[in-house]
Amino acid sequence: MIKNIIFDMDGVLINTEPIHFRIWQQICSEHGVTLEYERYIACIGSTVKYLHDLLKEWYGLSFHNNPEIMRRFRECKEEILQKEGLPAIEGAADTVKWLYDQGYTMAVASSSSQNYIDYSIHALGLDQYFHKLISGESVKHPKPAPDVFLKAAQQLGADPKECLVIEDSKNGSIAAKAAGMSCYGFYNPDSGNQDLSAADFIFYSYDELKAKLTALPPF
């Protein structure tokens, strides 16, 4: 029985993947490399460290533990968000509030940094609805390993079998199932053509998600 819902953030609550790609494409360009989207999608749903691992493998770029690179990333992101605002996913915030009213215990488990998760959830006005906000940078292994979801369940005091993960990426879906949790995959075209076959159910709008959850037996 599902009692707890764990949301990924980027691509699920906020549509940041296109922004992240634009930023990393710009940074790579400044270092003489053209970052191809077809390659970038391999890291969607995982951590910055994983992206840096891939950039090192593909292009020989050494971005690991480089404060100047992360300063440049933050600078670009702040500039974009100031101009364009935080790109919320349509229907996501209303669905979170509805789930809270239904009695679900909820957490965010994202590969983004803790500061950015805190900022984003606050900017969306959703602080009071999530019991825990957890960064993938706080665990040893990033998605597709299950670590961040298992930590979320532990902090919620929840049995993984009673947790449902909402994900938009292949890495995240695999991680959720590896954690022994149910997974609903949100097909977000801006997250790339993600393989969500590991998910138990795929939805294309938050109205579909609400209908699916409404059909579940009450707890």
C-alpha atoms as a PDB file:
ATOM      1  CA  MET A   1       0.000   0.000   0.000  1.00  0.00           C
ATOM      2  CA  ILE A   2       1.392   3.386  -1.005  1.00  0.00           C
ATOM      3  CA  LYS A   3       1.611   5.820   1.919  1.00  0.00           C
ATOM      4  CA  ASN A   4       4.636   7.886   0.950  1.00  0.00           C
ATOM      5  CA  ILE A   5       5.456   9.725  -2.269  1.00  0.00           C
ATOM      6  CA  ILE A   6       8.991  10.759  -3.190  1.00  0.00           C
ATOM      7  CA  PHE A   7       9.373  13.311  -5.972  1.00  0.00           C
ATOM      8  CA  ASP A   8      12.373  13.906  -8.129  1.00  0.00           C
ATOM      9  CA  MET A   9      12.631  17.648  -8.750  1.00  0.00           C
ATOM     10  CA  ASP A  10      14.270  18.610 -12.050  1.00  0.00           C
ATOM     11  CA  GLY A  11      11.969  17.645 -14.894  1.00  0.00           C
ATOM     12  CA  VAL A  12       9.206  16.616 -12.469  1.00  0.00           C
ATOM     13  CA  LEU A  13       8.399  19.705 -10.399  1.00  0.00           C
ATOM     14  CA  ILE A  14      10.413  22.253 -12.363  1.00  0.00           C
ATOM     15  CA  ASN A  15      11.377  22.116 -16.010  1.00  0.00           C
ATOM     16  CA  THR A  16      15.073  22.837 -15.527  1.00  0.00           C
ATOM     17  CA  GLU A  17      16.701  20.276 -17.815  1.00  0.00           C
ATOM     18  CA  PRO A  18      16.656  22.580 -20.875  1.00  0.00           C
ATOM     19  CA  ILE A  19      18.225  25.320 -18.740  1.00  0.00           C
ATOM     20  CA  HIS A  20      20.907  22.992 -17.395  1.00  0.00           C
ATOM     21  CA  PHE A  21      21.793  21.869 -20.901  1.00  0.00           C
ATOM     22  CA  ARG A  22      22.053  25.463 -22.116  1.00  0.00           C
ATOM     23  CA  ILE A  23      24.386  26.299 -19.227  1.00  0.00           C
ATOM     24  CA  TRP A  24      26.681  23.300 -19.647  1.00  0.00           C
ATOM     25  CA  GLN A  25      26.719  23.821 -23.402  1.00  0.00           C
ATOM     26  CA  GLN A  26      27.842  27.418 -22.797  1.00  0.00           C
ATOM     27  CA  ILE A  27      30.519  26.404 -20.282  1.00  0.00           C
ATOM     28  CA  CYS A  28      31.844  23.679 -22.565  1.00  0.00           C
ATOM     29  CA  SER A  29      31.903  26.141 -25.460  1.00  0.00           C
ATOM     30  CA  GLU A  30      34.006  28.489 -23.335  1.00  0.00           C
ATOM     31  CA  HIS A  31      36.486  25.605 -23.036  1.00  0.00           C
ATOM     32  CA  GLY A  32      36.549  24.866 -26.756  1.00  0.00           C
ATOM     33  CA  VAL A  33      34.123  21.928 -26.776  1.00  0.00           C
ATOM     34  CA  THR A  34      30.673  21.513 -28.338  1.00  0.00           C
ATOM     35  CA  LEU A  35      28.437  19.582 -25.941  1.00  0.00           C
ATOM     36  CA  GLU A  36      25.942  17.533 -27.952  1.00  0.00           C
ATOM     37  CA  TYR A  37      22.426  17.076 -26.577  1.00  0.00           C
ATOM     38  CA  GLU A  38      22.380  13.420 -27.613  1.00  0.00           C
ATOM     39  CA  ARG A  39      25.284  12.873 -25.232  1.00  0.00           C
ATOM     40  CA  TYR A  40      24.030  15.158 -22.479  1.00  0.00           C
ATOM     41  CA  ILE A  41      20.810  13.188 -21.987  1.00  0.00           C
ATOM     42  CA  ALA A  42      22.895  10.305 -20.584  1.00  0.00           C
ATOM     43  CA  CYS A  43      23.405  12.295 -17.378  1.00  0.00           C
ATOM     44  CA  ILE A  44      19.835  13.549 -16.923  1.00  0.00           C
ATOM     45  CA  GLY A  45      18.618  12.401 -13.530  1.00  0.00           C
ATOM     46  CA  SER A  46      22.095  11.988 -12.078  1.00  0.00           C
ATOM     47  CA  THR A  47      24.534  14.287 -10.267  1.00  0.00           C
ATOM     48  CA  VAL A  48      26.907  17.000 -11.452  1.00  0.00           C
ATOM     49  CA  LYS A  49      29.805  14.713 -10.544  1.00  0.00           C
ATOM     50  CA  TYR A  50      28.464  12.097 -12.946  1.00  0.00           C
ATOM     51  CA  LEU A  51      28.217  14.734 -15.679  1.00  0.00           C
ATOM     52  CA  HIS A  52      31.796  15.767 -14.980  1.00  0.00           C
ATOM     53  CA  ASP A  53      32.870  12.125 -15.193  1.00  0.00           C
ATOM     54  CA  LEU A  54      31.293  11.915 -18.639  1.00  0.00           C
ATOM     55  CA  LEU A  55      32.772  15.223 -19.816  1.00  0.00           C
ATOM     56  CA  LYS A  56      36.190  13.954 -18.797  1.00  0.00           C
ATOM     57  CA  GLU A  57      35.592  10.692 -20.663  1.00  0.00           C
ATOM     58  CA  TRP A  58      34.159  12.300 -23.797  1.00  0.00           C
ATOM     59  CA  TYR A  59      36.173  15.480 -24.163  1.00  0.00           C
ATOM     60  CA  GLY A  60      39.026  15.334 -21.667  1.00  0.00           C
ATOM     61  CA  LEU A  61      37.591  18.269 -19.677  1.00  0.00           C
ATOM     62  CA  SER A  62      38.699  18.404 -16.035  1.00  0.00           C
ATOM     63  CA  PHE A  63      35.802  20.071 -14.227  1.00  0.00           C
ATOM     64  CA  HIS A  64      35.941  17.958 -11.033  1.00  0.00           C
ATOM     65  CA  ASN A  65      36.231  19.962  -7.808  1.00  0.00           C
ATOM     66  CA  ASN A  66      36.745  23.142  -9.799  1.00  0.00           C
ATOM     67  CA  PRO A  67      35.192  26.073  -7.907  1.00  0.00           C
ATOM     68  CA  GLU A  68      35.518  28.359 -10.913  1.00  0.00           C
ATOM     69  CA  ILE A  69      33.370  26.026 -13.039  1.00  0.00           C
ATOM     70  CA  MET A  70      30.655  25.849 -10.377  1.00  0.00           C
ATOM     71  CA  ARG A  71      30.823  29.615  -9.889  1.00  0.00           C
ATOM     72  CA  ARG A  72      30.294  30.033 -13.630  1.00  0.00           C
ATOM     73  CA  PHE A  73      27.402  27.557 -13.550  1.00  0.00           C
ATOM     74  CA  ARG A  74      25.689  29.461 -10.728  1.00  0.00           C
ATOM     75  CA  GLU A  75      26.300  32.764 -12.502  1.00  0.00           C
ATOM     76  CA  CYS A  76      24.679  31.522 -15.723  1.00  0.00           C
ATOM     77  CA  LYS A  77      21.780  29.948 -13.869  1.00  0.00           C
ATOM     78  CA  GLU A  78      21.048  33.040 -11.806  1.00  0.00           C
ATOM     79  CA  GLU A  79      21.069  35.147 -14.942  1.00  0.00           C
ATOM     80  CA  ILE A  80      18.605  32.850 -16.706  1.00  0.00           C
ATOM     81  CA  LEU A  81      16.276  32.541 -13.707  1.00  0.00           C
ATOM     82  CA  GLN A  82      16.257  36.303 -13.184  1.00  0.00           C
ATOM     83  CA  LYS A  83      15.280  36.832 -16.815  1.00  0.00           C
ATOM     84  CA  GLU A  84      12.914  33.894 -17.268  1.00  0.00           C
ATOM     85  CA  GLY A  85      11.812  32.860 -13.762  1.00  0.00           C
ATOM     86  CA  LEU A  86      11.613  29.352 -12.292  1.00  0.00           C
ATOM     87  CA  PRO A  87      10.006  27.104 -14.935  1.00  0.00           C
ATOM     88  CA  ALA A  88       7.360  25.198 -12.982  1.00  0.00           C
ATOM     89  CA  ILE A  89       5.813  22.065 -14.495  1.00  0.00           C
ATOM     90  CA  GLU A  90       2.138  22.623 -15.234  1.00  0.00           C
ATOM     91  CA  GLY A  91      -0.089  21.020 -12.599  1.00  0.00           C
ATOM     92  CA  ALA A  92       2.761  19.787 -10.398  1.00  0.00           C
ATOM     93  CA  ALA A  93       2.336  22.205  -7.481  1.00  0.00           C
ATOM     94  CA  ASP A  94      -1.460  21.733  -7.349  1.00  0.00           C
ATOM     95  CA  THR A  95      -0.975  17.960  -7.365  1.00  0.00           C
ATOM     96  CA  VAL A  96       1.499  18.129  -4.474  1.00  0.00           C
ATOM     97  CA  LYS A  97      -1.011  20.135  -2.444  1.00  0.00           C
ATOM     98  CA  TRP A  98      -3.790  17.685  -3.324  1.00  0.00           C
ATOM     99  CA  LEU A  99      -1.643  14.706  -2.265  1.00  0.00           C
ATOM    100  CA  TYR A 100      -0.872  16.412   1.022  1.00  0.00           C
ATOM    101  CA  ASP A 101      -4.613  16.845   1.632  1.00  0.00           C
ATOM    102  CA  GLN A 102      -5.089  13.137   0.884  1.00  0.00           C
ATOM    103  CA  GLY A 103      -2.737  12.313   3.752  1.00  0.00           C
ATOM    104  CA  TYR A 104       0.395  11.225   1.897  1.00  0.00           C
ATOM    105  CA  THR A 105       3.797  11.806   3.471  1.00  0.00           C
ATOM    106  CA  MET A 106       6.095  13.340   0.859  1.00  0.00           C
ATOM    107  CA  ALA A 107       9.747  14.039   0.206  1.00  0.00           C
ATOM    108  CA  VAL A 108      11.920  15.390  -2.583  1.00  0.00           C
ATOM    109  CA  ALA A 109      14.942  13.282  -3.553  1.00  0.00           C
ATOM    110  CA  SER A 110      16.885  15.095  -6.249  1.00  0.00           C
ATOM    111  CA  SER A 111      20.357  14.915  -7.733  1.00  0.00           C
ATOM    112  CA  SER A 112      20.635  18.708  -7.453  1.00  0.00           C
ATOM    113  CA  SER A 113      22.515  20.438  -4.643  1.00  0.00           C
ATOM    114  CA  GLN A 114      20.811  20.929  -1.295  1.00  0.00           C
ATOM    115  CA  ASN A 115      20.882  24.714  -1.634  1.00  0.00           C
ATOM    116  CA  TYR A 116      19.183  24.593  -5.021  1.00  0.00           C
ATOM    117  CA  ILE A 117      16.552  22.120  -3.828  1.00  0.00           C
ATOM    118  CA  ASP A 118      15.761  24.325  -0.824  1.00  0.00           C
ATOM    119  CA  TYR A 119      15.605  27.424  -3.015  1.00  0.00           C
ATOM    120  CA  SER A 120      13.386  25.809  -5.658  1.00  0.00           C
ATOM    121  CA  ILE A 121      10.864  24.259  -3.294  1.00  0.00           C
ATOM    122  CA  HIS A 122      10.588  27.559  -1.434  1.00  0.00           C
ATOM    123  CA  ALA A 123      10.170  29.476  -4.705  1.00  0.00           C
ATOM    124  CA  LEU A 124       7.365  27.100  -5.689  1.00  0.00           C
ATOM    125  CA  GLY A 125       5.667  27.704  -2.330  1.00  0.00           C
ATOM    126  CA  LEU A 126       5.764  24.013  -1.436  1.00  0.00           C
ATOM    127  CA  ASP A 127       7.884  24.014   1.745  1.00  0.00           C
ATOM    128  CA  GLN A 128       5.035  23.004   4.042  1.00  0.00           C
ATOM    129  CA  TYR A 129       3.991  20.025   1.922  1.00  0.00           C
ATOM    130  CA  PHE A 130       7.276  18.118   1.918  1.00  0.00           C
ATOM    131  CA  HIS A 131       8.545  16.479   5.087  1.00  0.00           C
ATOM    132  CA  LYS A 132      12.094  16.014   3.786  1.00  0.00           C
ATOM    133  CA  LEU A 133      14.257  17.516   1.024  1.00  0.00           C
ATOM    134  CA  ILE A 134      17.229  15.311   0.147  1.00  0.00           C
ATOM    135  CA  SER A 135      20.121  15.888  -2.231  1.00  0.00           C
ATOM    136  CA  GLY A 136      21.827  13.098  -4.151  1.00  0.00           C
ATOM    137  CA  GLU A 137      25.087  14.809  -3.266  1.00  0.00           C
ATOM    138  CA  SER A 138      24.569  13.633   0.324  1.00  0.00           C
ATOM    139  CA  VAL A 139      24.830   9.927  -0.552  1.00  0.00           C
ATOM    140  CA  LYS A 140      27.715   7.827  -1.815  1.00  0.00           C
ATOM    141  CA  HIS A 141      26.304   6.654  -5.135  1.00  0.00           C
ATOM    142  CA  PRO A 142      24.191   8.776  -7.533  1.00  0.00           C
ATOM    143  CA  LYS A 143      21.201   7.591  -9.522  1.00  0.00           C
ATOM    144  CA  PRO A 144      20.821   5.011 -11.073  1.00  0.00           C
ATOM    145  CA  ALA A 145      21.952   3.647  -7.690  1.00  0.00           C
ATOM    146  CA  PRO A 146      19.085   3.612  -5.162  1.00  0.00           C
ATOM    147  CA  ASP A 147      20.934   5.470  -2.383  1.00  0.00           C
ATOM    148  CA  VAL A 148      19.063   8.790  -2.435  1.00  0.00           C
ATOM    149  CA  PHE A 149      15.640   7.108  -2.432  1.00  0.00           C
ATOM    150  CA  LEU A 150      16.618   4.758   0.377  1.00  0.00           C
ATOM    151  CA  LYS A 151      17.822   7.744   2.386  1.00  0.00           C
ATOM    152  CA  ALA A 152      14.506   9.480   1.740  1.00  0.00           C
ATOM    153  CA  ALA A 153      12.568   6.457   2.997  1.00  0.00           C
ATOM    154  CA  GLN A 154      14.801   6.219   6.051  1.00  0.00           C
ATOM    155  CA  GLN A 155      14.301   9.880   6.910  1.00  0.00           C
ATOM    156  CA  LEU A 156      10.552   9.528   6.464  1.00  0.00           C
ATOM    157  CA  GLY A 157      10.580   6.436   8.669  1.00  0.00           C
ATOM    158  CA  ALA A 158       8.946   4.582   5.779  1.00  0.00           C
ATOM    159  CA  ASP A 159       9.122   1.061   4.399  1.00  0.00           C
ATOM    160  CA  PRO A 160      10.433   1.267   0.802  1.00  0.00           C
ATOM    161  CA  LYS A 161       7.571  -1.027  -0.245  1.00  0.00           C
ATOM    162  CA  GLU A 162       5.144   1.700   0.838  1.00  0.00           C
ATOM    163  CA  CYS A 163       6.902   4.397  -1.205  1.00  0.00           C
ATOM    164  CA  LEU A 164       6.077   5.655  -4.683  1.00  0.00           C
ATOM    165  CA  VAL A 165       8.687   7.582  -6.636  1.00  0.00           C
ATOM    166  CA  ILE A 166       7.768  10.137  -9.300  1.00  0.00           C
ATOM    167  CA  GLU A 167      10.560  10.347 -11.888  1.00  0.00           C
ATOM    168  CA  ASP A 168      11.166  11.647 -15.389  1.00  0.00           C
ATOM    169  CA  SER A 169      14.461   9.940 -16.220  1.00  0.00           C
ATOM    170  CA  LYS A 170      15.805   6.502 -17.005  1.00  0.00           C
ATOM    171  CA  ASN A 171      18.414   6.814 -14.246  1.00  0.00           C
ATOM    172  CA  GLY A 172      15.808   7.818 -11.684  1.00  0.00           C
ATOM    173  CA  SER A 173      13.347   5.097 -12.647  1.00  0.00           C
ATOM    174  CA  ILE A 174      16.021   2.420 -12.375  1.00  0.00           C
ATOM    175  CA  ALA A 175      17.098   3.842  -9.014  1.00  0.00           C
ATOM    176  CA  ALA A 176      13.546   3.764  -7.666  1.00  0.00           C
ATOM    177  CA  LYS A 177      13.002   0.143  -8.618  1.00  0.00           C
ATOM    178  CA  ALA A 178      16.432  -0.809  -7.231  1.00  0.00           C
ATOM    179  CA  ALA A 179      15.278   0.724  -3.945  1.00  0.00           C
ATOM    180  CA  GLY A 180      12.316  -1.663  -3.901  1.00  0.00           C
ATOM    181  CA  MET A 181       9.806   1.108  -4.509  1.00  0.00           C
ATOM    182  CA  SER A 182       6.992   1.653  -6.951  1.00  0.00           C
ATOM    183  CA  CYS A 183       7.762   4.174  -9.684  1.00  0.00           C
ATOM    184  CA  TYR A 184       5.539   6.316 -11.878  1.00  0.00           C
ATOM    185  CA  GLY A 185       7.372   7.857 -14.813  1.00  0.00           C
ATOM    186  CA  PHE A 186       6.486  11.347 -15.989  1.00  0.00           C
ATOM    187  CA  TYR A 187       7.121  11.666 -19.708  1.00  0.00           C
ATOM    188  CA  ASN A 188       8.619  15.113 -20.075  1.00  0.00           C
ATOM    189  CA  PRO A 189       9.741  15.755 -23.666  1.00  0.00           C
ATOM    190  CA  ASP A 190      12.142  18.432 -22.416  1.00  0.00           C
ATOM    191  CA  SER A 191      14.018  15.755 -20.478  1.00  0.00           C
ATOM    192  CA  GLY A 192      15.001  14.037 -23.705  1.00  0.00           C
ATOM    193  CA  ASN A 193      13.629  10.796 -25.044  1.00  0.00           C
ATOM    194  CA  GLN A 194      14.027   9.010 -21.724  1.00  0.00           C
ATOM    195  CA  ASP A 195      13.529   5.256 -21.472  1.00  0.00           C
ATOM    196  CA  LEU A 196      10.959   4.939 -18.691  1.00  0.00           C
ATOM    197  CA  SER A 197      10.360   1.228 -19.187  1.00  0.00           C
ATOM    198  CA  ALA A 198      11.500   0.494 -15.619  1.00  0.00           C
ATOM    199  CA  ALA A 199       8.543   2.484 -14.278  1.00  0.00           C
ATOM    200  CA  ASP A 200       5.303   0.782 -13.256  1.00  0.00           C
ATOM    201  CA  PHE A 201       3.177   3.432 -14.933  1.00  0.00           C
ATOM    202  CA  ILE A 202       3.902   6.296 -17.329  1.00  0.00           C
ATOM    203  CA  PHE A 203       1.871   9.508 -17.287  1.00  0.00           C
ATOM    204  CA  TYR A 204       1.943  12.518 -19.581  1.00  0.00           C
ATOM    205  CA  SER A 205       0.167  15.099 -17.430  1.00  0.00           C
ATOM    206  CA  TYR A 206      -0.521  15.615 -13.756  1.00  0.00           C
ATOM    207  CA  ASP A 207      -4.230  15.102 -14.369  1.00  0.00           C
ATOM    208  CA  GLU A 208      -3.338  11.526 -15.381  1.00  0.00           C
ATOM    209  CA  LEU A 209      -1.299  11.085 -12.213  1.00  0.00           C
ATOM    210  CA  LYS A 210      -4.152  12.294 -10.010  1.00  0.00           C
ATOM    211  CA  ALA A 211      -6.583   9.955 -11.751  1.00  0.00           C
ATOM    212  CA  LYS A 212      -4.205   7.030 -11.230  1.00  0.00           C
ATOM    213  CA  LEU A 213      -3.685   7.779  -7.548  1.00  0.00           C
ATOM    214  CA  THR A 214      -7.391   8.362  -6.993  1.00  0.00           C
ATOM    215  CA  ALA A 215      -7.978   4.780  -8.159  1.00  0.00           C
ATOM    216  CA  LEU A 216      -5.613   3.345  -5.524  1.00  0.00           C
ATOM    217  CA  PRO A 217      -7.196   1.805  -2.405  1.00  0.00           C
ATOM    218  CA  PRO A 218      -7.306   4.187   0.592  1.00  0.00           C
ATOM    219  CA  PHE A 219      -4.825   3.712   3.399  1.00  0.00           C
END
